């Protein structure tokens, strides 16, 4: 089984949960991780789903939205 990799960075937990909803609707498992010293929240997906997750997020968000490349 492969590990999880970062697909996006959100500014806060609410934004990360919105990204998780997009991924869930696309049938992609995800989790969020927030480090203690940083306000940003990482959205993680299985390594095997990374490209599909990126495509799903890009298809359902505006180009100027909160998503940052890892």
C-alpha atoms as a PDB file:
ATOM      1  CA  UNK A   1       0.000   0.000   0.000  1.00  0.00           C
ATOM      2  CA  UNK A   2       1.355   3.427  -0.904  1.00  0.00           C
ATOM      3  CA  UNK A   3       1.570   6.376   1.450  1.00  0.00           C
ATOM      4  CA  UNK A   4      -0.218   9.683   1.374  1.00  0.00           C
ATOM      5  CA  UNK A   5       1.201  12.713  -0.447  1.00  0.00           C
ATOM      6  CA  UNK A   6       0.262  16.384  -0.378  1.00  0.00           C
ATOM      7  CA  UNK A   7      -2.061  17.475  -3.172  1.00  0.00           C
ATOM      8  CA  UNK A   8      -2.842  21.007  -1.956  1.00  0.00           C
ATOM      9  CA  UNK A   9      -2.345  23.516   0.827  1.00  0.00           C
ATOM     10  CA  UNK A  10      -5.268  25.427   2.309  1.00  0.00           C
ATOM     11  CA  UNK A  11      -5.141  28.552   4.436  1.00  0.00           C
ATOM     12  CA  UNK A  12      -7.253  27.035   7.204  1.00  0.00           C
ATOM     13  CA  UNK A  13      -9.200  23.934   8.215  1.00  0.00           C
ATOM     14  CA  UNK A  14     -12.446  25.149   6.621  1.00  0.00           C
ATOM     15  CA  UNK A  15     -10.767  25.520   3.219  1.00  0.00           C
ATOM     16  CA  UNK A  16      -9.107  22.119   3.620  1.00  0.00           C
ATOM     17  CA  UNK A  17     -12.492  20.561   4.376  1.00  0.00           C
ATOM     18  CA  UNK A  18     -13.918  22.140   1.202  1.00  0.00           C
ATOM     19  CA  UNK A  19     -11.113  20.501  -0.767  1.00  0.00           C
ATOM     20  CA  UNK A  20     -11.811  17.199   0.982  1.00  0.00           C
ATOM     21  CA  UNK A  21     -15.447  17.450  -0.101  1.00  0.00           C
ATOM     22  CA  UNK A  22     -14.394  17.968  -3.729  1.00  0.00           C
ATOM     23  CA  UNK A  23     -12.150  14.916  -3.493  1.00  0.00           C
ATOM     24  CA  UNK A  24     -14.819  12.823  -1.738  1.00  0.00           C
ATOM     25  CA  UNK A  25     -17.304  13.685  -4.493  1.00  0.00           C
ATOM     26  CA  UNK A  26     -14.705  12.449  -7.003  1.00  0.00           C
ATOM     27  CA  UNK A  27     -14.346   9.190  -5.058  1.00  0.00           C
ATOM     28  CA  UNK A  28     -10.862  10.003  -3.769  1.00  0.00           C
ATOM     29  CA  UNK A  29      -9.889   9.321  -0.157  1.00  0.00           C
ATOM     30  CA  UNK A  30      -8.151  12.219   1.585  1.00  0.00           C
ATOM     31  CA  UNK A  31      -6.996  13.458   4.950  1.00  0.00           C
ATOM     32  CA  UNK A  32      -5.817  16.784   6.319  1.00  0.00           C
ATOM     33  CA  UNK A  33      -2.738  17.592   8.358  1.00  0.00           C
ATOM     34  CA  UNK A  34      -1.830  20.786  10.173  1.00  0.00           C
ATOM     35  CA  UNK A  35       1.576  21.408  11.653  1.00  0.00           C
ATOM     36  CA  UNK A  36       1.804  23.158  15.007  1.00  0.00           C
ATOM     37  CA  UNK A  37       4.056  25.958  13.767  1.00  0.00           C
ATOM     38  CA  UNK A  38       2.153  26.753  10.567  1.00  0.00           C
ATOM     39  CA  UNK A  39      -1.397  27.999   9.976  1.00  0.00           C
ATOM     40  CA  UNK A  40      -1.611  26.293   6.584  1.00  0.00           C
ATOM     41  CA  UNK A  41      -3.340  22.927   6.337  1.00  0.00           C
ATOM     42  CA  UNK A  42      -2.109  20.183   3.977  1.00  0.00           C
ATOM     43  CA  UNK A  43      -4.586  18.051   2.068  1.00  0.00           C
ATOM     44  CA  UNK A  44      -3.185  14.559   1.562  1.00  0.00           C
ATOM     45  CA  UNK A  45      -4.265  11.801  -0.831  1.00  0.00           C
ATOM     46  CA  UNK A  46      -2.937   8.322  -1.608  1.00  0.00           C
ATOM     47  CA  UNK A  47       0.089   8.576  -3.890  1.00  0.00           C
ATOM     48  CA  UNK A  48      -1.686   6.476  -6.518  1.00  0.00           C
ATOM     49  CA  UNK A  49      -4.544   9.037  -6.638  1.00  0.00           C
ATOM     50  CA  UNK A  50      -2.402  12.194  -6.836  1.00  0.00           C
ATOM     51  CA  UNK A  51      -3.001  13.010 -10.504  1.00  0.00           C
ATOM     52  CA  UNK A  52      -6.732  12.297 -10.297  1.00  0.00           C
ATOM     53  CA  UNK A  53      -6.974  14.447  -7.167  1.00  0.00           C
ATOM     54  CA  UNK A  54      -5.173  17.346  -8.852  1.00  0.00           C
ATOM     55  CA  UNK A  55      -7.514  17.074 -11.841  1.00  0.00           C
ATOM     56  CA  UNK A  56     -10.612  17.006  -9.605  1.00  0.00           C
ATOM     57  CA  UNK A  57      -9.502  20.070  -7.645  1.00  0.00           C
ATOM     58  CA  UNK A  58      -8.567  22.009 -10.779  1.00  0.00           C
ATOM     59  CA  UNK A  59     -11.880  21.154 -12.448  1.00  0.00           C
ATOM     60  CA  UNK A  60     -13.975  22.407  -9.538  1.00  0.00           C
ATOM     61  CA  UNK A  61     -12.091  25.487  -8.348  1.00  0.00           C
ATOM     62  CA  UNK A  62     -11.347  28.876  -9.814  1.00  0.00           C
ATOM     63  CA  UNK A  63      -7.748  29.505 -10.908  1.00  0.00           C
ATOM     64  CA  UNK A  64      -7.316  32.252  -8.298  1.00  0.00           C
ATOM     65  CA  UNK A  65      -8.686  30.159  -5.419  1.00  0.00           C
ATOM     66  CA  UNK A  66      -6.790  29.254  -2.295  1.00  0.00           C
ATOM     67  CA  UNK A  67      -5.019  26.206  -3.624  1.00  0.00           C
ATOM     68  CA  UNK A  68      -1.255  26.271  -3.555  1.00  0.00           C
ATOM     69  CA  UNK A  69       0.967  23.707  -5.183  1.00  0.00           C
ATOM     70  CA  UNK A  70       2.831  21.637  -2.608  1.00  0.00           C
END
